[in-house]
Amino acid sequence: MFKNRDLKDLIIVDNAVYSFGAQLANGVPITPFKDDKEDREFEYLQNYLNILKDYDDMRELNKEAFKMEQVYQFKLEPYI
């Protein structure tokens, strides 16, 4: 839980989408690490974070890069 933080400045990096499901625009999905010496995911993440730092609202780039809201777009109304 985060208090006194503006969501435009917050990123959540996780390999499980449900970890940032309530704030999809703040999520950065990452593949799990499994003792693979060839794994480059943290290098990719570092490059992405270096780009994000130049955005006033990092959610703009996240929405464009990952399209999480489109992938996980569903309506609960028929089921409630």
Protein backbone atom coordinates (compact mmCIF):
# COMPACT_ATOMS: atom_id res chain seq x y z
CA MET A 1 0.00 0.00 0.00
CA PHE A 2 1.30 3.41 -0.94
CA LYS A 3 0.22 6.64 0.70
CA ASN A 4 0.79 10.19 -0.45
CA ARG A 5 2.06 9.11 -3.87
CA ASP A 6 0.79 10.42 -7.17
CA LEU A 7 0.02 7.49 -9.48
CA LYS A 8 1.67 9.32 -12.37
CA ASP A 9 4.99 8.75 -10.58
CA LEU A 10 4.49 5.13 -9.53
CA ILE A 11 5.44 1.98 -11.40
CA ILE A 12 4.83 -1.57 -10.30
CA VAL A 13 7.17 -4.17 -11.82
CA ASP A 14 6.00 -7.75 -11.45
CA ASN A 15 5.71 -10.99 -13.37
CA ALA A 16 2.11 -11.43 -12.14
CA VAL A 17 -0.36 -9.02 -13.74
CA TYR A 18 -2.76 -9.36 -10.82
CA SER A 19 -0.17 -7.51 -8.72
CA PHE A 20 -1.01 -4.31 -10.55
CA GLY A 21 -4.47 -5.23 -11.84
CA ALA A 22 -6.11 -2.30 -10.07
CA GLN A 23 -3.65 0.11 -11.75
CA LEU A 24 -2.91 -1.46 -15.13
CA ALA A 25 -1.40 1.75 -16.47
CA ASN A 26 1.17 1.67 -13.67
CA GLY A 27 2.25 -1.89 -14.30
CA VAL A 28 5.38 -3.06 -16.06
CA PRO A 29 5.12 -6.79 -16.76
CA ILE A 30 8.34 -8.76 -16.57
CA THR A 31 9.09 -12.41 -17.21
CA PRO A 32 10.03 -14.56 -14.23
CA PHE A 33 13.69 -15.21 -13.53
CA LYS A 34 14.56 -18.90 -13.47
CA ASP A 35 18.32 -19.15 -12.96
CA ASP A 36 18.95 -18.52 -16.63
CA LYS A 37 22.39 -16.99 -17.15
CA GLU A 38 21.22 -15.76 -20.57
CA ASP A 39 18.32 -13.81 -19.02
CA ARG A 40 18.40 -10.17 -20.21
CA GLU A 41 15.10 -9.02 -18.67
CA PHE A 42 16.70 -6.68 -16.13
CA GLU A 43 18.73 -5.01 -18.86
CA TYR A 44 15.53 -4.47 -20.86
CA LEU A 45 13.84 -3.14 -17.74
CA GLN A 46 16.72 -0.75 -17.07
CA ASN A 47 16.52 0.59 -20.62
CA TYR A 48 12.76 1.05 -20.31
CA LEU A 49 13.09 2.83 -16.95
CA ASN A 50 15.68 5.19 -18.44
CA ILE A 51 13.11 6.17 -21.06
CA LEU A 52 10.31 6.49 -18.49
CA LYS A 53 12.25 8.96 -16.37
CA ASP A 54 11.77 11.62 -19.06
CA TYR A 55 7.95 11.43 -18.89
CA ASP A 56 5.93 13.64 -16.58
CA ASP A 57 3.26 10.93 -16.40
CA MET A 58 4.84 7.54 -16.96
CA ARG A 59 1.42 5.97 -17.50
CA GLU A 60 1.30 7.52 -20.98
CA LEU A 61 4.23 5.44 -22.21
CA ASN A 62 3.11 2.36 -20.29
CA LYS A 63 -0.31 2.44 -21.96
CA GLU A 64 1.32 2.67 -25.36
CA ALA A 65 4.05 0.12 -24.71
CA PHE A 66 2.09 -2.67 -23.02
CA LYS A 67 -1.55 -2.02 -23.94
CA MET A 68 -2.56 -3.74 -20.69
CA GLU A 69 -5.94 -2.02 -20.58
CA GLN A 70 -6.77 -3.36 -24.03
CA VAL A 71 -5.57 -6.87 -23.27
CA TYR A 72 -7.47 -7.06 -19.99
CA GLN A 73 -10.54 -5.17 -21.12
CA PHE A 74 -13.67 -6.85 -19.93
CA LYS A 75 -16.98 -5.82 -18.47
CA LEU A 76 -18.17 -7.22 -15.16
CA GLU A 77 -21.76 -5.95 -15.45
CA PRO A 78 -23.18 -9.11 -17.07
CA TYR A 79 -21.70 -11.21 -14.27
CA ILE A 80 -22.67 -9.10 -11.26
